[in-house]
């Protein structure tokens, strides 16, 4: 167990104390993921909710106008948008990398 922890820390992994006493390992976020999360965290969380609602309404209008395939295509955006909104909210609340690899908001760095 101790050897696994030492090897994991040497490989750039961090022990996650929130996951049971530090016995589980977690990889640090990469530069691309960190940059995307910093940029999307600037978006208001309800934007995704409104976009999902617009998708459902658009799907209904397309269905009523007889464009069934387009209706199905647009209607399938709603779950994706809601999951993106949930992820955005989690990143805002919990942070993306509890190992300290995250740049504080408002620091101007990317």
C-alpha atoms as a PDB file:
ATOM      1  CA  UNK A   1       0.000   0.000   0.000  1.00  0.00           C
ATOM      2  CA  UNK A   2       2.741   2.469   0.958  1.00  0.00           C
ATOM      3  CA  UNK A   3       4.764   1.505  -2.114  1.00  0.00           C
ATOM      4  CA  UNK A   4       1.744   2.132  -4.358  1.00  0.00           C
ATOM      5  CA  UNK A   5       1.192   5.549  -2.773  1.00  0.00           C
ATOM      6  CA  UNK A   6       4.867   6.467  -3.167  1.00  0.00           C
ATOM      7  CA  UNK A   7       4.930   5.302  -6.789  1.00  0.00           C
ATOM      8  CA  UNK A   8       1.735   7.208  -7.547  1.00  0.00           C
ATOM      9  CA  UNK A   9       3.039  10.428  -6.013  1.00  0.00           C
ATOM     10  CA  UNK A  10       6.293  10.062  -7.949  1.00  0.00           C
ATOM     11  CA  UNK A  11       4.266   9.667 -11.161  1.00  0.00           C
ATOM     12  CA  UNK A  12       2.502  13.023 -10.637  1.00  0.00           C
ATOM     13  CA  UNK A  13      -0.608  11.697  -8.932  1.00  0.00           C
ATOM     14  CA  UNK A  14      -2.104  13.107  -5.762  1.00  0.00           C
ATOM     15  CA  UNK A  15      -3.761  11.332  -2.874  1.00  0.00           C
ATOM     16  CA  UNK A  16      -7.373  12.444  -2.563  1.00  0.00           C
ATOM     17  CA  UNK A  17      -8.165  12.785   1.156  1.00  0.00           C
ATOM     18  CA  UNK A  18     -11.890  13.096   0.357  1.00  0.00           C
ATOM     19  CA  UNK A  19     -11.952   9.522  -0.962  1.00  0.00           C
ATOM     20  CA  UNK A  20     -11.217   7.466   2.132  1.00  0.00           C
ATOM     21  CA  UNK A  21      -8.063   8.385   3.960  1.00  0.00           C
ATOM     22  CA  UNK A  22      -5.789   9.025   1.011  1.00  0.00           C
ATOM     23  CA  UNK A  23      -5.654   5.419  -0.170  1.00  0.00           C
ATOM     24  CA  UNK A  24      -7.078   6.217  -3.607  1.00  0.00           C
ATOM     25  CA  UNK A  25      -5.087   8.001  -6.287  1.00  0.00           C
ATOM     26  CA  UNK A  26      -6.234  10.752  -8.638  1.00  0.00           C
ATOM     27  CA  UNK A  27      -4.503  12.187 -11.706  1.00  0.00           C
ATOM     28  CA  UNK A  28      -3.962  15.928 -11.950  1.00  0.00           C
ATOM     29  CA  UNK A  29      -5.799  17.889 -14.628  1.00  0.00           C
ATOM     30  CA  UNK A  30      -3.979  18.602 -17.866  1.00  0.00           C
ATOM     31  CA  UNK A  31      -3.401  22.113 -19.187  1.00  0.00           C
ATOM     32  CA  UNK A  32      -6.129  21.834 -21.845  1.00  0.00           C
ATOM     33  CA  UNK A  33      -8.795  20.608 -19.388  1.00  0.00           C
ATOM     34  CA  UNK A  34      -7.826  23.295 -16.884  1.00  0.00           C
ATOM     35  CA  UNK A  35      -8.080  26.034 -19.538  1.00  0.00           C
ATOM     36  CA  UNK A  36     -11.472  24.812 -20.788  1.00  0.00           C
ATOM     37  CA  UNK A  37     -12.839  24.642 -17.233  1.00  0.00           C
ATOM     38  CA  UNK A  38     -11.570  28.149 -16.433  1.00  0.00           C
ATOM     39  CA  UNK A  39     -13.239  29.574 -19.542  1.00  0.00           C
ATOM     40  CA  UNK A  40     -16.557  27.743 -19.119  1.00  0.00           C
ATOM     41  CA  UNK A  41     -16.683  28.669 -15.417  1.00  0.00           C
ATOM     42  CA  UNK A  42     -17.201  32.252 -16.594  1.00  0.00           C
ATOM     43  CA  UNK A  43     -20.573  31.248 -18.100  1.00  0.00           C
ATOM     44  CA  UNK A  44     -23.624  31.538 -15.842  1.00  0.00           C
ATOM     45  CA  UNK A  45     -24.903  28.102 -14.821  1.00  0.00           C
ATOM     46  CA  UNK A  46     -28.480  28.836 -15.844  1.00  0.00           C
ATOM     47  CA  UNK A  47     -27.352  29.410 -19.444  1.00  0.00           C
ATOM     48  CA  UNK A  48     -27.272  25.640 -19.931  1.00  0.00           C
ATOM     49  CA  UNK A  49     -30.747  25.266 -18.402  1.00  0.00           C
ATOM     50  CA  UNK A  50     -32.203  27.911 -20.746  1.00  0.00           C
ATOM     51  CA  UNK A  51     -30.450  26.329 -23.736  1.00  0.00           C
ATOM     52  CA  UNK A  52     -31.936  22.920 -22.851  1.00  0.00           C
ATOM     53  CA  UNK A  53     -35.403  24.491 -22.539  1.00  0.00           C
ATOM     54  CA  UNK A  54     -34.959  26.186 -25.906  1.00  0.00           C
ATOM     55  CA  UNK A  55     -33.973  22.833 -27.388  1.00  0.00           C
ATOM     56  CA  UNK A  56     -37.159  21.204 -26.102  1.00  0.00           C
ATOM     57  CA  UNK A  57     -39.349  24.082 -27.350  1.00  0.00           C
ATOM     58  CA  UNK A  58     -37.628  24.084 -30.737  1.00  0.00           C
ATOM     59  CA  UNK A  59     -38.116  20.336 -30.973  1.00  0.00           C
ATOM     60  CA  UNK A  60     -41.820  20.724 -30.255  1.00  0.00           C
ATOM     61  CA  UNK A  61     -42.190  23.424 -32.912  1.00  0.00           C
ATOM     62  CA  UNK A  62     -40.324  21.317 -35.458  1.00  0.00           C
ATOM     63  CA  UNK A  63     -42.556  18.331 -34.665  1.00  0.00           C
ATOM     64  CA  UNK A  64     -45.704  20.424 -35.076  1.00  0.00           C
ATOM     65  CA  UNK A  65     -44.444  21.726 -38.424  1.00  0.00           C
ATOM     66  CA  UNK A  66     -43.982  18.149 -39.681  1.00  0.00           C
ATOM     67  CA  UNK A  67     -40.166  18.019 -39.609  1.00  0.00           C
ATOM     68  CA  UNK A  68     -39.904  14.854 -37.522  1.00  0.00           C
ATOM     69  CA  UNK A  69     -36.211  14.029 -38.096  1.00  0.00           C
ATOM     70  CA  UNK A  70     -35.091  17.574 -37.316  1.00  0.00           C
ATOM     71  CA  UNK A  71     -37.313  17.489 -34.238  1.00  0.00           C
ATOM     72  CA  UNK A  72     -35.614  14.360 -32.930  1.00  0.00           C
ATOM     73  CA  UNK A  73     -32.153  15.783 -33.653  1.00  0.00           C
ATOM     74  CA  UNK A  74     -32.768  19.062 -31.817  1.00  0.00           C
ATOM     75  CA  UNK A  75     -34.643  17.354 -28.969  1.00  0.00           C
ATOM     76  CA  UNK A  76     -31.631  15.178 -28.203  1.00  0.00           C
ATOM     77  CA  UNK A  77     -29.539  18.260 -27.372  1.00  0.00           C
ATOM     78  CA  UNK A  78     -31.413  18.825 -24.084  1.00  0.00           C
ATOM     79  CA  UNK A  79     -29.826  16.022 -22.004  1.00  0.00           C
ATOM     80  CA  UNK A  80     -26.353  16.929 -23.242  1.00  0.00           C
ATOM     81  CA  UNK A  81     -26.841  20.583 -22.354  1.00  0.00           C
ATOM     82  CA  UNK A  82     -28.150  19.667 -18.898  1.00  0.00           C
ATOM     83  CA  UNK A  83     -25.147  17.411 -18.229  1.00  0.00           C
ATOM     84  CA  UNK A  84     -22.772  20.171 -19.373  1.00  0.00           C
ATOM     85  CA  UNK A  85     -24.540  22.557 -16.989  1.00  0.00           C
ATOM     86  CA  UNK A  86     -24.178  20.063 -14.150  1.00  0.00           C
ATOM     87  CA  UNK A  87     -20.468  19.627 -14.881  1.00  0.00           C
ATOM     88  CA  UNK A  88     -20.036  23.406 -15.043  1.00  0.00           C
ATOM     89  CA  UNK A  89     -21.725  23.779 -11.657  1.00  0.00           C
ATOM     90  CA  UNK A  90     -19.598  21.036 -10.084  1.00  0.00           C
ATOM     91  CA  UNK A  91     -16.390  22.641 -11.326  1.00  0.00           C
ATOM     92  CA  UNK A  92     -17.495  25.997  -9.906  1.00  0.00           C
ATOM     93  CA  UNK A  93     -18.433  24.553  -6.506  1.00  0.00           C
ATOM     94  CA  UNK A  94     -15.832  21.827  -5.956  1.00  0.00           C
ATOM     95  CA  UNK A  95     -13.009  22.994  -8.203  1.00  0.00           C
ATOM     96  CA  UNK A  96     -11.400  20.898 -10.880  1.00  0.00           C
ATOM     97  CA  UNK A  97      -8.190  19.797  -9.191  1.00  0.00           C
ATOM     98  CA  UNK A  98      -8.137  19.609  -5.391  1.00  0.00           C
ATOM     99  CA  UNK A  99      -4.395  18.908  -5.540  1.00  0.00           C
ATOM    100  CA  UNK A 100      -3.651  22.612  -5.896  1.00  0.00           C
ATOM    101  CA  UNK A 101      -3.113  22.604  -9.654  1.00  0.00           C
ATOM    102  CA  UNK A 102      -5.956  25.068 -10.237  1.00  0.00           C
ATOM    103  CA  UNK A 103      -5.377  28.781 -10.869  1.00  0.00           C
ATOM    104  CA  UNK A 104      -7.528  30.999  -8.613  1.00  0.00           C
ATOM    105  CA  UNK A 105     -10.329  32.880 -10.365  1.00  0.00           C
ATOM    106  CA  UNK A 106      -9.498  36.448 -11.300  1.00  0.00           C
ATOM    107  CA  UNK A 107      -5.740  35.929 -11.396  1.00  0.00           C
ATOM    108  CA  UNK A 108      -5.613  36.560 -15.139  1.00  0.00           C
ATOM    109  CA  UNK A 109      -3.537  33.429 -15.826  1.00  0.00           C
ATOM    110  CA  UNK A 110      -4.641  30.617 -18.169  1.00  0.00           C
END
